[in-house]
Amino acid sequence: MMDIDNFNLSPKDILDKEFKIDTRGFRIKEVDAFLDEIIEDYEHYDKIVKELEREKAELTDEVLSLKQEVRNLKTSIEIAKTDGEENKNVSNLDVLKRLSQLEKIVYGKDE
């Protein structure tokens, strides 16, 4: 996982940075303009990272949910195959009852 809180500088750090002025120093307006560009890029980058982290969390939750659904469906298919071989005359009502029982087992619901 990406550690988004481990940056050396924040936009505020850049904004608040003060340079010592030397007789042969840089032009302050040029330095300020450049730092403004850097701050803008950092803020944009920060928004992108946060959005991607949010999206990743949503997708991870969805993947876990889909994996559980696949497990449940595989179990239902196996039960249907086993029961179908034992009794070719399984009614829809019987299948629904078995599915309901399976859901109770999988989700831990009590009657």
N, C-alpha and C. Protein backbone atom coordinates (compact mmCIF):
# COMPACT_ATOMS: atom_id res chain seq x y z
N MET A 1 0.85 -1.19 0.00
CA MET A 1 0.00 0.00 0.00
C MET A 1 0.88 1.25 0.00
N MET A 2 0.45 2.22 -0.72
CA MET A 2 1.19 3.47 -0.84
C MET A 2 1.02 4.29 0.44
N ASP A 3 2.14 4.79 0.98
CA ASP A 3 2.09 5.62 2.19
C ASP A 3 1.98 7.07 1.77
N ILE A 4 0.74 7.58 1.70
CA ILE A 4 0.52 8.93 1.19
C ILE A 4 0.83 10.01 2.21
N ASP A 5 1.11 9.63 3.45
CA ASP A 5 1.40 10.63 4.48
C ASP A 5 2.90 10.78 4.73
N ASN A 6 3.72 10.20 3.88
CA ASN A 6 5.16 10.21 4.11
C ASN A 6 5.89 11.08 3.09
N PHE A 7 5.41 12.29 2.90
CA PHE A 7 6.06 13.25 2.01
C PHE A 7 6.99 14.14 2.82
N ASN A 8 8.05 14.59 2.18
CA ASN A 8 8.95 15.52 2.84
C ASN A 8 8.34 16.90 2.99
N LEU A 9 7.59 17.31 1.98
CA LEU A 9 7.02 18.66 1.97
C LEU A 9 5.53 18.61 1.71
N SER A 10 4.83 19.48 2.38
CA SER A 10 3.42 19.68 2.08
C SER A 10 3.30 20.97 1.28
N PRO A 11 2.17 21.20 0.66
CA PRO A 11 2.00 22.49 -0.02
C PRO A 11 2.23 23.68 0.92
N LYS A 12 1.81 23.54 2.18
CA LYS A 12 2.01 24.63 3.15
C LYS A 12 3.49 24.83 3.46
N ASP A 13 4.24 23.72 3.57
CA ASP A 13 5.69 23.84 3.81
C ASP A 13 6.36 24.63 2.70
N ILE A 14 5.96 24.34 1.48
CA ILE A 14 6.55 25.04 0.33
C ILE A 14 6.16 26.52 0.36
N LEU A 15 4.89 26.76 0.64
CA LEU A 15 4.40 28.14 0.67
C LEU A 15 5.10 28.96 1.75
N ASP A 16 5.33 28.35 2.90
CA ASP A 16 5.91 29.07 4.04
C ASP A 16 7.44 29.14 4.01
N LYS A 17 8.07 28.45 3.08
CA LYS A 17 9.54 28.43 3.03
C LYS A 17 10.09 29.83 2.74
N GLU A 18 11.07 30.21 3.53
CA GLU A 18 11.72 31.50 3.31
C GLU A 18 13.19 31.25 3.03
N PHE A 19 13.70 31.97 2.05
CA PHE A 19 15.09 31.82 1.65
C PHE A 19 15.90 32.99 2.19
N LYS A 20 17.14 32.71 2.52
CA LYS A 20 18.04 33.80 2.93
C LYS A 20 18.40 34.60 1.68
N ILE A 21 18.44 35.89 1.85
CA ILE A 21 18.73 36.77 0.71
C ILE A 21 20.22 37.09 0.73
N ASP A 22 20.81 36.88 -0.41
CA ASP A 22 22.23 37.14 -0.60
C ASP A 22 22.36 38.25 -1.64
N THR A 23 23.46 38.91 -1.65
CA THR A 23 23.64 39.97 -2.64
C THR A 23 23.62 39.41 -4.06
N ARG A 24 23.94 38.16 -4.22
CA ARG A 24 23.92 37.54 -5.54
C ARG A 24 22.83 36.47 -5.59
N GLY A 25 21.81 36.64 -4.79
CA GLY A 25 20.73 35.64 -4.70
C GLY A 25 19.80 35.63 -5.89
N PHE A 26 18.83 34.75 -5.81
CA PHE A 26 17.83 34.61 -6.86
C PHE A 26 16.83 35.75 -6.78
N ARG A 27 16.15 35.99 -7.85
CA ARG A 27 15.08 36.99 -7.85
C ARG A 27 13.89 36.40 -7.10
N ILE A 28 13.44 37.11 -6.10
CA ILE A 28 12.39 36.62 -5.23
C ILE A 28 11.10 36.33 -5.99
N LYS A 29 10.74 37.18 -6.93
CA LYS A 29 9.50 36.97 -7.69
C LYS A 29 9.57 35.68 -8.52
N GLU A 30 10.74 35.38 -9.07
CA GLU A 30 10.89 34.14 -9.85
C GLU A 30 10.78 32.92 -8.94
N VAL A 31 11.42 32.99 -7.77
CA VAL A 31 11.36 31.88 -6.82
C VAL A 31 9.91 31.68 -6.37
N ASP A 32 9.23 32.76 -6.02
CA ASP A 32 7.83 32.67 -5.58
C ASP A 32 6.94 32.09 -6.68
N ALA A 33 7.13 32.51 -7.90
CA ALA A 33 6.32 32.00 -9.02
C ALA A 33 6.56 30.50 -9.21
N PHE A 34 7.81 30.09 -9.11
CA PHE A 34 8.13 28.68 -9.27
C PHE A 34 7.54 27.86 -8.13
N LEU A 35 7.66 28.37 -6.92
CA LEU A 35 7.10 27.66 -5.77
C LEU A 35 5.58 27.57 -5.87
N ASP A 36 4.94 28.59 -6.41
CA ASP A 36 3.49 28.54 -6.62
C ASP A 36 3.12 27.40 -7.56
N GLU A 37 3.92 27.20 -8.60
CA GLU A 37 3.67 26.09 -9.53
C GLU A 37 3.84 24.75 -8.82
N ILE A 38 4.87 24.64 -8.00
CA ILE A 38 5.12 23.40 -7.26
C ILE A 38 3.96 23.11 -6.31
N ILE A 39 3.50 24.12 -5.60
CA ILE A 39 2.38 23.96 -4.68
C ILE A 39 1.14 23.47 -5.43
N GLU A 40 0.88 24.07 -6.56
CA GLU A 40 -0.28 23.67 -7.37
C GLU A 40 -0.17 22.20 -7.78
N ASP A 41 1.02 21.80 -8.21
CA ASP A 41 1.23 20.40 -8.60
C ASP A 41 1.04 19.46 -7.41
N TYR A 42 1.59 19.82 -6.26
CA TYR A 42 1.44 19.00 -5.06
C TYR A 42 -0.04 18.84 -4.69
N GLU A 43 -0.77 19.94 -4.72
CA GLU A 43 -2.19 19.87 -4.38
C GLU A 43 -2.95 18.98 -5.35
N HIS A 44 -2.63 19.11 -6.64
CA HIS A 44 -3.27 18.28 -7.66
C HIS A 44 -2.91 16.81 -7.45
N TYR A 45 -1.65 16.54 -7.21
CA TYR A 45 -1.18 15.18 -6.96
C TYR A 45 -1.86 14.59 -5.73
N ASP A 46 -1.96 15.36 -4.68
CA ASP A 46 -2.59 14.92 -3.44
C ASP A 46 -4.05 14.53 -3.68
N LYS A 47 -4.77 15.32 -4.47
CA LYS A 47 -6.16 15.00 -4.79
C LYS A 47 -6.26 13.69 -5.56
N ILE A 48 -5.35 13.51 -6.51
CA ILE A 48 -5.36 12.28 -7.31
C ILE A 48 -5.09 11.06 -6.42
N VAL A 49 -4.11 11.15 -5.56
CA VAL A 49 -3.76 10.04 -4.68
C VAL A 49 -4.93 9.70 -3.76
N LYS A 50 -5.56 10.70 -3.18
CA LYS A 50 -6.69 10.44 -2.29
C LYS A 50 -7.86 9.80 -3.03
N GLU A 51 -8.13 10.25 -4.24
CA GLU A 51 -9.20 9.68 -5.05
C GLU A 51 -8.89 8.23 -5.41
N LEU A 52 -7.65 7.95 -5.77
CA LEU A 52 -7.26 6.59 -6.10
C LEU A 52 -7.33 5.67 -4.88
N GLU A 53 -6.95 6.16 -3.73
CA GLU A 53 -7.05 5.37 -2.50
C GLU A 53 -8.51 5.05 -2.19
N ARG A 54 -9.39 6.03 -2.37
CA ARG A 54 -10.82 5.80 -2.13
C ARG A 54 -11.36 4.76 -3.12
N GLU A 55 -10.99 4.92 -4.38
CA GLU A 55 -11.45 4.00 -5.42
C GLU A 55 -10.91 2.59 -5.16
N LYS A 56 -9.66 2.51 -4.73
CA LYS A 56 -9.07 1.20 -4.43
C LYS A 56 -9.82 0.51 -3.29
N ALA A 57 -10.17 1.26 -2.26
CA ALA A 57 -10.92 0.69 -1.13
C ALA A 57 -12.28 0.17 -1.60
N GLU A 58 -12.96 0.94 -2.44
CA GLU A 58 -14.26 0.51 -2.96
C GLU A 58 -14.12 -0.77 -3.78
N LEU A 59 -13.11 -0.81 -4.64
CA LEU A 59 -12.90 -1.99 -5.49
C LEU A 59 -12.51 -3.21 -4.67
N THR A 60 -11.72 -3.00 -3.63
CA THR A 60 -11.34 -4.11 -2.75
C THR A 60 -12.57 -4.68 -2.07
N ASP A 61 -13.45 -3.82 -1.58
CA ASP A 61 -14.70 -4.28 -0.96
C ASP A 61 -15.55 -5.06 -1.96
N GLU A 62 -15.62 -4.54 -3.19
CA GLU A 62 -16.41 -5.21 -4.22
C GLU A 62 -15.83 -6.58 -4.56
N VAL A 63 -14.51 -6.67 -4.66
CA VAL A 63 -13.87 -7.95 -4.95
C VAL A 63 -14.17 -8.97 -3.85
N LEU A 64 -14.06 -8.54 -2.60
CA LEU A 64 -14.35 -9.45 -1.49
C LEU A 64 -15.79 -9.93 -1.53
N SER A 65 -16.70 -9.02 -1.83
CA SER A 65 -18.11 -9.37 -1.92
C SER A 65 -18.35 -10.36 -3.06
N LEU A 66 -17.73 -10.12 -4.20
CA LEU A 66 -17.90 -11.02 -5.35
C LEU A 66 -17.28 -12.39 -5.09
N LYS A 67 -16.16 -12.43 -4.41
CA LYS A 67 -15.55 -13.72 -4.06
C LYS A 67 -16.48 -14.52 -3.15
N GLN A 68 -17.09 -13.85 -2.19
CA GLN A 68 -18.02 -14.53 -1.29
C GLN A 68 -19.23 -15.05 -2.08
N GLU A 69 -19.71 -14.25 -3.02
CA GLU A 69 -20.84 -14.66 -3.85
C GLU A 69 -20.48 -15.89 -4.68
N VAL A 70 -19.28 -15.92 -5.24
CA VAL A 70 -18.83 -17.07 -6.03
C VAL A 70 -18.77 -18.31 -5.15
N ARG A 71 -18.21 -18.18 -3.94
CA ARG A 71 -18.16 -19.32 -3.01
C ARG A 71 -19.57 -19.84 -2.72
N ASN A 72 -20.48 -18.92 -2.47
CA ASN A 72 -21.85 -19.32 -2.16
C ASN A 72 -22.48 -20.04 -3.35
N LEU A 73 -22.26 -19.52 -4.55
CA LEU A 73 -22.85 -20.15 -5.73
C LEU A 73 -22.23 -21.51 -6.01
N LYS A 74 -20.93 -21.66 -5.81
CA LYS A 74 -20.30 -22.97 -5.99
C LYS A 74 -20.87 -23.97 -5.01
N THR A 75 -21.06 -23.55 -3.78
CA THR A 75 -21.64 -24.43 -2.77
C THR A 75 -23.07 -24.81 -3.16
N SER A 76 -23.84 -23.86 -3.62
CA SER A 76 -25.21 -24.13 -4.05
C SER A 76 -25.24 -25.12 -5.21
N ILE A 77 -24.32 -24.95 -6.15
CA ILE A 77 -24.25 -25.86 -7.30
C ILE A 77 -23.89 -27.27 -6.83
N GLU A 78 -22.92 -27.37 -5.94
CA GLU A 78 -22.53 -28.69 -5.43
C GLU A 78 -23.69 -29.35 -4.70
N ILE A 79 -24.40 -28.59 -3.90
CA ILE A 79 -25.56 -29.14 -3.18
C ILE A 79 -26.62 -29.59 -4.17
N ALA A 80 -26.86 -28.77 -5.18
CA ALA A 80 -27.87 -29.12 -6.19
C ALA A 80 -27.46 -30.37 -6.96
N LYS A 81 -26.17 -30.49 -7.30
CA LYS A 81 -25.70 -31.68 -8.01
C LYS A 81 -25.87 -32.93 -7.15
N THR A 82 -25.44 -32.82 -5.90
CA THR A 82 -25.53 -33.97 -4.99
C THR A 82 -26.99 -34.37 -4.77
N ASP A 83 -27.82 -33.40 -4.50
CA ASP A 83 -29.23 -33.69 -4.27
C ASP A 83 -29.90 -34.16 -5.56
N GLY A 84 -29.50 -33.61 -6.67
CA GLY A 84 -30.09 -33.98 -7.96
C GLY A 84 -29.80 -35.41 -8.33
N GLU A 85 -28.62 -35.88 -7.99
CA GLU A 85 -28.26 -37.26 -8.27
C GLU A 85 -29.04 -38.20 -7.37
N GLU A 86 -29.28 -37.80 -6.14
CA GLU A 86 -30.01 -38.64 -5.20
C GLU A 86 -31.50 -38.66 -5.50
N ASN A 87 -32.01 -37.54 -5.96
CA ASN A 87 -33.45 -37.45 -6.19
C ASN A 87 -33.69 -36.60 -7.43
N LYS A 88 -34.06 -37.23 -8.51
CA LYS A 88 -34.28 -36.52 -9.78
C LYS A 88 -35.54 -35.67 -9.74
N ASN A 89 -36.39 -35.86 -8.79
CA ASN A 89 -37.67 -35.14 -8.72
C ASN A 89 -37.64 -33.99 -7.71
N VAL A 90 -36.57 -33.25 -7.66
CA VAL A 90 -36.45 -32.13 -6.73
C VAL A 90 -37.32 -30.99 -7.25
N SER A 91 -38.15 -30.48 -6.37
CA SER A 91 -39.03 -29.38 -6.77
C SER A 91 -38.34 -28.04 -6.53
N ASN A 92 -38.89 -27.02 -7.15
CA ASN A 92 -38.35 -25.67 -6.94
C ASN A 92 -38.44 -25.27 -5.47
N LEU A 93 -39.48 -25.69 -4.81
CA LEU A 93 -39.65 -25.38 -3.39
C LEU A 93 -38.53 -26.00 -2.57
N ASP A 94 -38.16 -27.23 -2.90
CA ASP A 94 -37.06 -27.89 -2.19
C ASP A 94 -35.74 -27.14 -2.40
N VAL A 95 -35.51 -26.71 -3.62
CA VAL A 95 -34.28 -25.96 -3.93
C VAL A 95 -34.25 -24.65 -3.15
N LEU A 96 -35.37 -23.94 -3.10
CA LEU A 96 -35.44 -22.68 -2.36
C LEU A 96 -35.21 -22.90 -0.87
N LYS A 97 -35.76 -23.99 -0.33
CA LYS A 97 -35.55 -24.29 1.09
C LYS A 97 -34.07 -24.56 1.37
N ARG A 98 -33.45 -25.33 0.50
CA ARG A 98 -32.03 -25.65 0.68
C ARG A 98 -31.17 -24.40 0.54
N LEU A 99 -31.50 -23.56 -0.41
CA LEU A 99 -30.77 -22.31 -0.59
C LEU A 99 -30.91 -21.41 0.63
N SER A 100 -32.10 -21.36 1.18
CA SER A 100 -32.34 -20.56 2.38
C SER A 100 -31.51 -21.10 3.55
N GLN A 101 -31.46 -22.42 3.69
CA GLN A 101 -30.66 -23.01 4.75
C GLN A 101 -29.17 -22.70 4.55
N LEU A 102 -28.72 -22.77 3.31
CA LEU A 102 -27.33 -22.47 3.00
C LEU A 102 -26.99 -21.02 3.35
N GLU A 103 -27.88 -20.10 3.00
CA GLU A 103 -27.66 -18.69 3.33
C GLU A 103 -27.56 -18.50 4.84
N LYS A 104 -28.39 -19.21 5.59
CA LYS A 104 -28.34 -19.09 7.05
C LYS A 104 -27.00 -19.59 7.58
N ILE A 105 -26.49 -20.66 6.98
CA ILE A 105 -25.19 -21.19 7.42
C ILE A 105 -24.08 -20.22 7.05
N VAL A 106 -24.10 -19.74 5.80
CA VAL A 106 -23.03 -18.88 5.33
C VAL A 106 -23.03 -17.53 6.04
N TYR A 107 -24.19 -16.95 6.21
CA TYR A 107 -24.27 -15.62 6.82
C TYR A 107 -24.47 -15.66 8.33
N GLY A 108 -24.63 -16.85 8.90
CA GLY A 108 -24.77 -16.98 10.34
C GLY A 108 -26.09 -16.48 10.88
N LYS A 109 -27.12 -16.52 10.05
CA LYS A 109 -28.43 -16.04 10.50
C LYS A 109 -29.17 -17.19 11.19
N ASP A 110 -29.82 -16.86 12.29
CA ASP A 110 -30.65 -17.84 12.98
C ASP A 110 -32.10 -17.56 12.69
N GLU A 111 -32.89 -18.60 12.72
CA GLU A 111 -34.33 -18.40 12.50
C GLU A 111 -34.98 -17.79 13.71
